Protein backbone atom coordinates (compact mmCIF):
# COMPACT_ATOMS: atom_id res chain seq x y z
CA MET A 1 111.11 79.78 108.41
CA THR A 2 109.17 82.98 109.05
CA PRO A 3 108.66 84.32 112.45
CA PRO A 4 105.09 83.91 114.11
CA VAL A 5 102.70 86.75 113.53
CA ASP A 6 103.12 87.88 117.19
CA ILE A 7 106.83 88.35 116.72
CA THR A 8 106.36 90.31 113.61
CA THR A 9 103.94 92.51 115.36
CA ALA A 10 106.19 92.85 118.37
CA ARG A 11 108.92 93.95 116.09
CA GLN A 12 106.80 96.64 114.63
CA LEU A 13 105.83 97.84 118.06
CA TRP A 14 109.51 98.02 118.91
CA TRP A 15 110.27 100.03 115.80
CA GLY A 16 107.44 102.45 116.99
CA VAL A 17 109.20 102.56 120.34
CA ILE A 18 112.54 103.45 118.65
CA GLY A 19 110.80 105.94 116.32
CA LEU A 20 109.27 107.70 119.31
CA GLY A 21 112.55 107.73 121.17
CA VAL A 22 114.24 109.46 118.28
CA GLY A 23 111.30 111.82 118.18
CA ARG A 24 111.69 112.67 121.98
CA LEU A 25 115.39 113.10 121.32
CA PHE A 26 114.67 115.89 118.89
CA ILE A 27 111.89 117.44 120.94
CA SER A 28 114.46 117.56 123.80
CA LEU A 29 117.05 119.13 121.48
CA ALA A 30 114.49 121.69 120.24
CA ASP A 31 113.61 122.53 123.87
CA THR A 32 117.29 122.86 124.82
CA LEU A 33 118.01 125.18 121.94
CA THR A 34 114.80 127.22 122.48
CA ASN A 35 115.62 127.71 126.19
CA ARG A 36 119.37 127.97 125.62
CA GLU A 37 119.71 131.20 127.51
CA ARG A 38 117.96 129.76 130.69
CA PHE A 39 120.06 126.55 130.43
CA SER A 40 123.31 128.55 130.02
CA ALA A 41 122.54 130.82 132.88
CA GLU A 42 121.84 127.90 135.29
CA PHE A 43 124.81 126.07 134.11
CA ARG A 44 126.85 129.23 134.46
CA GLU A 45 125.80 129.72 138.05
CA ARG A 46 126.76 126.10 138.93
CA MET A 47 130.07 126.14 137.15
CA GLN A 48 131.12 129.56 138.60
CA SER A 49 130.67 128.26 142.04
CA THR A 50 133.34 125.68 141.38
CA ASP A 51 135.47 127.57 138.83
CA PRO A 52 135.11 131.41 138.93
CA GLN A 53 137.29 131.74 135.79
CA ILE A 54 134.66 130.26 133.48
CA THR A 55 133.44 132.52 130.86
CA PRO A 56 129.82 132.80 129.31
CA ALA A 57 131.38 131.73 125.94
CA MET A 58 132.77 128.65 127.56
CA VAL A 59 129.37 127.81 129.03
CA ASP A 60 127.56 128.35 125.68
CA LEU A 61 130.10 125.97 124.10
CA LEU A 62 129.53 123.37 126.73
CA VAL A 63 125.77 123.55 126.43
CA THR A 64 126.11 123.20 122.64
CA VAL A 65 128.64 120.30 122.79
CA GLY A 66 126.19 118.56 125.40
CA ALA A 67 123.33 118.91 123.19
CA ILE A 68 125.19 117.55 120.07
CA LEU A 69 126.59 114.66 122.19
CA GLY A 70 123.17 113.87 123.45
CA VAL A 71 121.84 113.55 119.92
CA VAL A 72 124.77 111.47 118.77
CA LEU A 73 124.41 109.08 121.67
CA GLY A 74 120.72 108.99 121.37
CA LEU A 75 120.96 108.07 117.71
CA ALA A 76 123.59 105.37 118.52
CA VAL A 77 121.22 103.80 121.07
CA ALA A 78 118.44 103.89 118.43
CA ALA A 79 120.60 102.18 115.94
CA LEU A 80 121.64 99.59 118.48
CA GLY A 81 117.86 99.13 119.22
CA VAL A 82 117.16 98.47 115.54
CA LEU A 83 119.94 95.84 115.39
CA VAL A 84 118.41 94.16 118.51
CA VAL A 85 114.98 94.16 117.15
CA HIS A 86 116.24 92.64 113.99
CA GLN A 87 117.90 89.84 116.03
CA LEU A 88 114.52 89.36 117.73
CA GLY A 89 112.99 88.46 114.39
CA LYS A 90 115.81 85.92 113.90
CA GLY A 91 114.65 83.94 117.06
CA LYS A 92 117.59 85.09 119.32
CA LEU A 93 116.57 84.57 123.02
CA TRP A 94 119.13 87.12 124.15
CA ALA A 95 117.45 89.83 122.16
CA ARG A 96 114.00 88.90 123.72
CA THR A 97 115.57 89.06 127.09
CA LEU A 98 117.27 92.31 126.45
CA LEU A 99 114.19 93.91 124.98
CA THR A 100 112.15 92.70 127.88
CA PHE A 101 114.34 94.51 130.38
CA VAL A 102 114.35 97.63 128.26
CA GLY A 103 110.55 97.37 127.92
CA VAL A 104 109.95 97.00 131.68
CA TRP A 105 112.13 100.09 132.23
CA LEU A 106 110.10 101.94 129.58
CA VAL A 107 106.92 100.98 131.17
CA ILE A 108 107.98 102.15 134.57
CA THR A 109 109.24 105.49 133.12
CA GLY A 110 105.91 105.74 131.23
CA VAL A 111 103.96 105.41 134.38
CA ILE A 112 105.98 107.88 136.07
CA ALA A 113 105.43 110.25 133.19
CA LEU A 114 101.68 109.53 133.30
CA PHE A 115 101.54 110.73 136.88
CA SER A 116 103.80 113.75 136.46
CA ILE A 117 102.56 115.05 133.14
CA GLY A 118 100.28 117.67 134.84
CA VAL A 119 103.28 119.12 136.75
CA VAL A 120 105.47 119.93 133.75
CA GLU A 121 105.56 123.24 131.97
CA GLY A 122 106.14 123.99 128.30
CA ALA A 123 105.31 122.15 125.17
CA GLY A 124 108.55 120.29 124.87
CA PRO A 125 108.33 118.44 128.21
CA VAL A 126 104.65 117.66 127.76
CA LEU A 127 105.21 116.23 124.24
CA SER A 128 108.08 114.20 125.64
CA GLY A 129 106.03 112.90 128.50
CA ALA A 130 103.10 111.95 126.12
CA ALA A 131 105.64 110.10 123.84
CA SER A 132 107.02 108.35 126.86
CA ILE A 133 103.48 107.18 127.75
CA VAL A 134 102.88 105.85 124.25
CA GLN A 135 106.33 104.09 124.26
CA ALA A 136 105.34 102.45 127.52
CA VAL A 137 102.11 101.18 125.99
CA LEU A 138 103.93 99.93 122.82
CA ALA A 139 106.66 98.20 124.82
CA GLY A 140 104.19 96.60 127.15
CA GLY A 141 102.44 95.13 124.13
CA ALA A 142 105.62 93.89 122.45
CA ILE A 143 106.69 92.15 125.65
CA PHE A 144 103.32 90.55 125.90
CA LEU A 145 103.45 89.36 122.29
CA CYS A 146 107.01 87.96 122.78
CA GLN A 147 106.01 85.85 125.78
CA ARG A 148 102.98 84.25 124.37
CA PRO A 149 103.30 80.33 123.93
CA GLU A 150 103.41 80.51 120.21
CA SER A 151 106.13 83.15 120.32
CA ALA A 152 108.08 81.24 123.05
CA LYS A 153 108.58 78.28 120.66
CA TRP A 154 110.29 80.72 118.25
CA PHE A 155 113.05 81.19 120.76
CA LEU A 156 113.71 77.51 121.45
CA PRO A 157 116.95 76.12 120.19
CA PRO A 158 116.72 73.97 117.08
CA ARG A 159 116.08 70.40 117.67
CA GLY A 160 116.43 69.02 114.12
CA PRO A 161 114.80 69.63 110.81
CA GLY A 162 111.02 69.90 110.83
CA LYS A 163 110.78 69.82 114.74
CA PRO A 164 109.13 72.56 116.78
CA GLY A 165 111.50 75.15 117.89
CA SER A 166 113.42 75.02 114.73
CA PRO A 167 113.59 78.69 113.50
């Protein structure tokens, strides 16, 4: 049985959210690498207050490793998101619940980004904030579509062949 149109559309919206998240990840990476000297200097100051033996090369290495780990973890979260969205299309209630919680969090962060976008400086943070706002809109739409009465039936446990709620 195929999912309702609202669920299909919600899945597409979630894929957009995930795609924008990956885009934000690479915007953040580009911003970190572009401003590497500033990040390294700030990090060096903080680290030297606790460990005066730290060298600039060690700080540069830590900044690079941090950026790489951030990208790897971000891509792992995106892959996990794709798997959860796939399960949403199969009528799994836990996937709808998890995506609803994630979506509410994205809406809250999108509203925060909306009110703080005029304060940030630089192209990277502005692009990231704009992507966060669009993610919030897409996630809100996906949550709405998954909660509609027709969609809610998709997540009911099967009650026998040919009965409503049998995905």
